[in-house]
């Protein structure tokens, strides 16, 4: 089950996803993003991160904290 959160501004539900990408130097890094639908690469909330919401757009974001 993926981590999900509801936007306080819009009421829309968002699901957390992760993806491993290769950077220009060849280093691999895991990125996290929110989407409105739950996909195959859904993820749990990583340790050391908290979810905050952009006050202007209402979109959720991860923040180290």
PDB file of N, CA and C in Angstrom:
ATOM      1  N   UNK A   1       0.842  -1.179   0.000  1.00  0.00           N
ATOM      2  CA  UNK A   1       0.000   0.000   0.000  1.00  0.00           C
ATOM      3  C   UNK A   1       0.888   1.244   0.000  1.00  0.00           C
ATOM      4  N   UNK A   2       0.602   2.168  -0.862  1.00  0.00           N
ATOM      5  CA  UNK A   2       1.393   3.388  -0.999  1.00  0.00           C
ATOM      6  C   UNK A   2       0.992   4.411   0.052  1.00  0.00           C
ATOM      7  N   UNK A   3       1.921   5.305   0.341  1.00  0.00           N
ATOM      8  CA  UNK A   3       1.617   6.416   1.236  1.00  0.00           C
ATOM      9  C   UNK A   3       0.714   7.380   0.469  1.00  0.00           C
ATOM     10  N   UNK A   4      -0.338   7.857   1.125  1.00  0.00           N
ATOM     11  CA  UNK A   4      -1.233   8.819   0.480  1.00  0.00           C
ATOM     12  C   UNK A   4      -1.518   9.970   1.431  1.00  0.00           C
ATOM     13  N   UNK A   5      -1.857  11.108   0.846  1.00  0.00           N
ATOM     14  CA  UNK A   5      -2.190  12.292   1.616  1.00  0.00           C
ATOM     15  C   UNK A   5      -3.267  13.071   0.871  1.00  0.00           C
ATOM     16  N   UNK A   6      -4.063  13.801   1.606  1.00  0.00           N
ATOM     17  CA  UNK A   6      -5.098  14.649   1.015  1.00  0.00           C
ATOM     18  C   UNK A   6      -4.643  16.102   1.066  1.00  0.00           C
ATOM     19  N   UNK A   7      -4.879  16.826  -0.018  1.00  0.00           N
ATOM     20  CA  UNK A   7      -4.557  18.241  -0.086  1.00  0.00           C
ATOM     21  C   UNK A   7      -5.564  19.020   0.763  1.00  0.00           C
ATOM     22  N   UNK A   8      -5.061  19.891   1.609  1.00  0.00           N
ATOM     23  CA  UNK A   8      -5.952  20.713   2.433  1.00  0.00           C
ATOM     24  C   UNK A   8      -6.646  21.784   1.596  1.00  0.00           C
ATOM     25  N   UNK A   9      -5.993  22.211   0.520  1.00  0.00           N
ATOM     26  CA  UNK A   9      -6.543  23.274  -0.310  1.00  0.00           C
ATOM     27  C   UNK A   9      -7.591  22.758  -1.291  1.00  0.00           C
ATOM     28  N   UNK A  10      -7.305  21.628  -1.971  1.00  0.00           N
ATOM     29  CA  UNK A  10      -8.201  21.131  -3.011  1.00  0.00           C
ATOM     30  C   UNK A  10      -9.007  19.905  -2.595  1.00  0.00           C
ATOM     31  N   UNK A  11      -8.563  19.196  -1.553  1.00  0.00           N
ATOM     32  CA  UNK A  11      -9.230  17.980  -1.127  1.00  0.00           C
ATOM     33  C   UNK A  11      -8.872  16.771  -1.968  1.00  0.00           C
ATOM     34  N   UNK A  12      -8.004  16.926  -2.952  1.00  0.00           N
ATOM     35  CA  UNK A  12      -7.580  15.848  -3.847  1.00  0.00           C
ATOM     36  C   UNK A  12      -6.636  14.897  -3.106  1.00  0.00           C
ATOM     37  N   UNK A  13      -6.718  13.602  -3.389  1.00  0.00           N
ATOM     38  CA  UNK A  13      -5.851  12.597  -2.779  1.00  0.00           C
ATOM     39  C   UNK A  13      -4.651  12.368  -3.689  1.00  0.00           C
ATOM     40  N   UNK A  14      -3.434  12.331  -3.089  1.00  0.00           N
ATOM     41  CA  UNK A  14      -2.196  12.118  -3.823  1.00  0.00           C
ATOM     42  C   UNK A  14      -1.466  10.915  -3.244  1.00  0.00           C
ATOM     43  N   UNK A  15      -0.817  10.127  -4.128  1.00  0.00           N
ATOM     44  CA  UNK A  15      -0.063   8.942  -3.748  1.00  0.00           C
ATOM     45  C   UNK A  15       1.420   9.165  -4.025  1.00  0.00           C
ATOM     46  N   UNK A  16       2.260   8.682  -3.107  1.00  0.00           N
ATOM     47  CA  UNK A  16       3.710   8.836  -3.235  1.00  0.00           C
ATOM     48  C   UNK A  16       4.271   7.715  -4.099  1.00  0.00           C
ATOM     49  N   UNK A  17       5.192   8.063  -5.032  1.00  0.00           N
ATOM     50  CA  UNK A  17       5.848   7.111  -5.919  1.00  0.00           C
ATOM     51  C   UNK A  17       7.351   7.341  -5.884  1.00  0.00           C
ATOM     52  N   UNK A  18       8.116   6.314  -6.234  1.00  0.00           N
ATOM     53  CA  UNK A  18       9.562   6.442  -6.319  1.00  0.00           C
ATOM     54  C   UNK A  18      10.047   5.897  -7.652  1.00  0.00           C
ATOM     55  N   UNK A  19      11.205   6.399  -8.066  1.00  0.00           N
ATOM     56  CA  UNK A  19      11.779   5.985  -9.342  1.00  0.00           C
ATOM     57  C   UNK A  19      13.288   6.137  -9.252  1.00  0.00           C
ATOM     58  N   UNK A  20      14.022   5.162  -9.772  1.00  0.00           N
ATOM     59  CA  UNK A  20      15.482   5.269  -9.794  1.00  0.00           C
ATOM     60  C   UNK A  20      15.890   5.841 -11.141  1.00  0.00           C
ATOM     61  N   UNK A  21      16.628   6.952 -11.103  1.00  0.00           N
ATOM     62  CA  UNK A  21      17.071   7.608 -12.331  1.00  0.00           C
ATOM     63  C   UNK A  21      18.590   7.617 -12.373  1.00  0.00           C
ATOM     64  N   UNK A  22      19.145   7.741 -13.572  1.00  0.00           N
ATOM     65  CA  UNK A  22      20.585   7.837 -13.754  1.00  0.00           C
ATOM     66  C   UNK A  22      20.921   9.279 -14.088  1.00  0.00           C
ATOM     67  N   UNK A  23      21.784   9.879 -13.285  1.00  0.00           N
ATOM     68  CA  UNK A  23      22.195  11.266 -13.503  1.00  0.00           C
ATOM     69  C   UNK A  23      23.254  11.336 -14.592  1.00  0.00           C
ATOM     70  N   UNK A  24      23.579  12.525 -15.036  1.00  0.00           N
ATOM     71  CA  UNK A  24      24.531  12.696 -16.140  1.00  0.00           C
ATOM     72  C   UNK A  24      25.880  12.053 -15.874  1.00  0.00           C
ATOM     73  N   UNK A  25      26.352  12.116 -14.651  1.00  0.00           N
ATOM     74  CA  UNK A  25      27.654  11.534 -14.317  1.00  0.00           C
ATOM     75  C   UNK A  25      27.623  10.025 -14.184  1.00  0.00           C
ATOM     76  N   UNK A  26      26.459   9.421 -14.365  1.00  0.00           N
ATOM     77  CA  UNK A  26      26.334   7.981 -14.271  1.00  0.00           C
ATOM     78  C   UNK A  26      25.862   7.494 -12.912  1.00  0.00           C
ATOM     79  N   UNK A  27      25.757   8.418 -11.952  1.00  0.00           N
ATOM     80  CA  UNK A  27      25.325   8.042 -10.606  1.00  0.00           C
ATOM     81  C   UNK A  27      23.825   7.800 -10.606  1.00  0.00           C
ATOM     82  N   UNK A  28      23.403   6.777  -9.876  1.00  0.00           N
ATOM     83  CA  UNK A  28      21.979   6.465  -9.764  1.00  0.00           C
ATOM     84  C   UNK A  28      21.424   7.093  -8.505  1.00  0.00           C
ATOM     85  N   UNK A  29      20.189   7.606  -8.587  1.00  0.00           N
ATOM     86  CA  UNK A  29      19.548   8.267  -7.457  1.00  0.00           C
ATOM     87  C   UNK A  29      18.058   7.962  -7.488  1.00  0.00           C
ATOM     88  N   UNK A  30      17.469   7.804  -6.308  1.00  0.00           N
ATOM     89  CA  UNK A  30      16.038   7.554  -6.200  1.00  0.00           C
ATOM     90  C   UNK A  30      15.328   8.898  -6.037  1.00  0.00           C
ATOM     91  N   UNK A  31      14.315   9.134  -6.873  1.00  0.00           N
ATOM     92  CA  UNK A  31      13.516  10.349  -6.742  1.00  0.00           C
ATOM     93  C   UNK A  31      12.118   9.960  -6.276  1.00  0.00           C
ATOM     94  N   UNK A  32      11.474  10.859  -5.584  1.00  0.00           N
ATOM     95  CA  UNK A  32      10.121  10.654  -5.077  1.00  0.00           C
ATOM     96  C   UNK A  32       9.218  11.728  -5.663  1.00  0.00           C
ATOM     97  N   UNK A  33       7.979  11.339  -6.004  1.00  0.00           N
ATOM     98  CA  UNK A  33       7.013  12.303  -6.532  1.00  0.00           C
ATOM     99  C   UNK A  33       5.604  11.848  -6.164  1.00  0.00           C
ATOM    100  N   UNK A  34       4.676  12.792  -6.180  1.00  0.00           N
ATOM    101  CA  UNK A  34       3.279  12.513  -5.887  1.00  0.00           C
ATOM    102  C   UNK A  34       2.469  12.522  -7.179  1.00  0.00           C
ATOM    103  N   UNK A  35       1.469  11.633  -7.259  1.00  0.00           N
ATOM    104  CA  UNK A  35       0.561  11.580  -8.402  1.00  0.00           C
ATOM    105  C   UNK A  35      -0.851  11.344  -7.882  1.00  0.00           C
ATOM    106  N   UNK A  36      -1.840  11.694  -8.683  1.00  0.00           N
ATOM    107  CA  UNK A  36      -3.230  11.541  -8.264  1.00  0.00           C
ATOM    108  C   UNK A  36      -3.691  10.092  -8.287  1.00  0.00           C
ATOM    109  N   UNK A  37      -3.036   9.258  -9.100  1.00  0.00           N
ATOM    110  CA  UNK A  37      -3.423   7.851  -9.169  1.00  0.00           C
ATOM    111  C   UNK A  37      -2.305   6.975  -8.617  1.00  0.00           C
ATOM    112  N   UNK A  38      -2.674   5.769  -8.155  1.00  0.00           N
ATOM    113  CA  UNK A  38      -1.698   4.838  -7.593  1.00  0.00           C
ATOM    114  C   UNK A  38      -1.175   3.951  -8.716  1.00  0.00           C
ATOM    115  N   UNK A  39       0.150   3.926  -8.891  1.00  0.00           N
ATOM    116  CA  UNK A  39       0.784   3.187  -9.977  1.00  0.00           C
ATOM    117  C   UNK A  39       1.603   2.026  -9.417  1.00  0.00           C
ATOM    118  N   UNK A  40       2.280   1.292 -10.320  1.00  0.00           N
ATOM    119  CA  UNK A  40       3.079   0.127  -9.911  1.00  0.00           C
ATOM    120  C   UNK A  40       4.253   0.502  -9.019  1.00  0.00           C
ATOM    121  N   UNK A  41       4.819   1.688  -9.205  1.00  0.00           N
ATOM    122  CA  UNK A  41       6.002   2.087  -8.442  1.00  0.00           C
ATOM    123  C   UNK A  41       5.636   2.909  -7.200  1.00  0.00           C
ATOM    124  N   UNK A  42       4.481   2.632  -6.618  1.00  0.00           N
ATOM    125  CA  UNK A  42       4.051   3.331  -5.402  1.00  0.00           C
ATOM    126  C   UNK A  42       5.019   3.030  -4.268  1.00  0.00           C
ATOM    127  N   UNK A  43       5.198   3.999  -3.365  1.00  0.00           N
ATOM    128  CA  UNK A  43       6.205   3.872  -2.310  1.00  0.00           C
ATOM    129  C   UNK A  43       5.643   4.283  -0.955  1.00  0.00           C
ATOM    130  N   UNK A  44       6.327   3.837   0.074  1.00  0.00           N
ATOM    131  CA  UNK A  44       6.040   4.267   1.437  1.00  0.00           C
ATOM    132  C   UNK A  44       6.857   5.534   1.724  1.00  0.00           C
ATOM    133  N   UNK A  45       6.477   6.252   2.751  1.00  0.00           N
ATOM    134  CA  UNK A  45       7.185   7.470   3.147  1.00  0.00           C
ATOM    135  C   UNK A  45       8.588   7.086   3.633  1.00  0.00           C
ATOM    136  N   UNK A  46       9.659   7.622   3.010  1.00  0.00           N
ATOM    137  CA  UNK A  46      11.016   7.268   3.429  1.00  0.00           C
ATOM    138  C   UNK A  46      11.344   7.854   4.805  1.00  0.00           C
ATOM    139  N   UNK A  47      12.234   7.167   5.522  1.00  0.00           N
ATOM    140  CA  UNK A  47      12.659   7.630   6.845  1.00  0.00           C
ATOM    141  C   UNK A  47      13.337   8.992   6.743  1.00  0.00           C
ATOM    142  N   UNK A  48      13.055   9.861   7.692  1.00  0.00           N
ATOM    143  CA  UNK A  48      13.685  11.167   7.744  1.00  0.00           C
ATOM    144  C   UNK A  48      13.000  12.231   6.909  1.00  0.00           C
ATOM    145  N   UNK A  49      11.858  11.929   6.315  1.00  0.00           N
ATOM    146  CA  UNK A  49      11.138  12.894   5.489  1.00  0.00           C
ATOM    147  C   UNK A  49       9.760  13.166   6.075  1.00  0.00           C
ATOM    148  N   UNK A  50       9.268  14.373   5.853  1.00  0.00           N
ATOM    149  CA  UNK A  50       7.915  14.753   6.243  1.00  0.00           C
ATOM    150  C   UNK A  50       7.223  15.330   5.011  1.00  0.00           C
ATOM    151  N   UNK A  51       5.907  15.268   5.005  1.00  0.00           N
ATOM    152  CA  UNK A  51       5.136  15.790   3.884  1.00  0.00           C
ATOM    153  C   UNK A  51       4.655  17.190   4.231  1.00  0.00           C
ATOM    154  N   UNK A  52       4.877  18.121   3.315  1.00  0.00           N
ATOM    155  CA  UNK A  52       4.361  19.483   3.472  1.00  0.00           C
ATOM    156  C   UNK A  52       3.572  19.814   2.221  1.00  0.00           C
ATOM    157  N   UNK A  53       2.799  20.871   2.273  1.00  0.00           N
ATOM    158  CA  UNK A  53       1.963  21.249   1.143  1.00  0.00           C
ATOM    159  C   UNK A  53       2.333  22.647   0.667  1.00  0.00           C
ATOM    160  N   UNK A  54       2.450  22.806  -0.639  1.00  0.00           N
ATOM    161  CA  UNK A  54       2.703  24.105  -1.223  1.00  0.00           C
ATOM    162  C   UNK A  54       1.466  24.964  -0.994  1.00  0.00           C
ATOM    163  N   UNK A  55       1.614  26.077  -0.308  1.00  0.00           N
ATOM    164  CA  UNK A  55       0.464  26.894   0.056  1.00  0.00           C
ATOM    165  C   UNK A  55      -0.225  27.533  -1.153  1.00  0.00           C
ATOM    166  N   UNK A  56       0.509  27.784  -2.224  1.00  0.00           N
ATOM    167  CA  UNK A  56      -0.075  28.420  -3.405  1.00  0.00           C
ATOM    168  C   UNK A  56      -0.819  27.423  -4.283  1.00  0.00           C
ATOM    169  N   UNK A  57      -0.218  26.245  -4.514  1.00  0.00           N
ATOM    170  CA  UNK A  57      -0.813  25.283  -5.445  1.00  0.00           C
ATOM    171  C   UNK A  57      -1.571  24.147  -4.756  1.00  0.00           C
ATOM    172  N   UNK A  58      -1.266  23.882  -3.488  1.00  0.00           N
ATOM    173  CA  UNK A  58      -1.902  22.786  -2.784  1.00  0.00           C
ATOM    174  C   UNK A  58      -1.276  21.425  -3.057  1.00  0.00           C
ATOM    175  N   UNK A  59      -0.153  21.385  -3.793  1.00  0.00           N
ATOM    176  CA  UNK A  59       0.507  20.128  -4.105  1.00  0.00           C
ATOM    177  C   UNK A  59       1.393  19.682  -2.941  1.00  0.00           C
ATOM    178  N   UNK A  60       1.391  18.381  -2.623  1.00  0.00           N
ATOM    179  CA  UNK A  60       2.253  17.877  -1.553  1.00  0.00           C
ATOM    180  C   UNK A  60       3.703  17.769  -2.020  1.00  0.00           C
ATOM    181  N   UNK A  61       4.629  17.915  -1.062  1.00  0.00           N
ATOM    182  CA  UNK A  61       6.052  17.809  -1.336  1.00  0.00           C
ATOM    183  C   UNK A  61       6.718  17.099  -0.165  1.00  0.00           C
ATOM    184  N   UNK A  62       7.851  16.453  -0.423  1.00  0.00           N
ATOM    185  CA  UNK A  62       8.637  15.833   0.641  1.00  0.00           C
ATOM    186  C   UNK A  62       9.695  16.817   1.099  1.00  0.00           C
ATOM    187  N   UNK A  63       9.954  16.795   2.392  1.00  0.00           N
ATOM    188  CA  UNK A  63      10.969  17.673   2.977  1.00  0.00           C
ATOM    189  C   UNK A  63      11.723  16.875   4.020  1.00  0.00           C
ATOM    190  N   UNK A  64      13.054  17.008   4.018  1.00  0.00           N
ATOM    191  CA  UNK A  64      13.832  16.340   5.066  1.00  0.00           C
ATOM    192  C   UNK A  64      13.539  17.022   6.371  1.00  0.00           C
ATOM    193  N   UNK A  65      13.303  16.197   7.382  1.00  0.00           N
ATOM    194  CA  UNK A  65      12.989  16.837   8.647  1.00  0.00           C
ATOM    195  C   UNK A  65      12.910  15.902   9.717  1.00  0.00           C
TER     196      UNK A  65
END
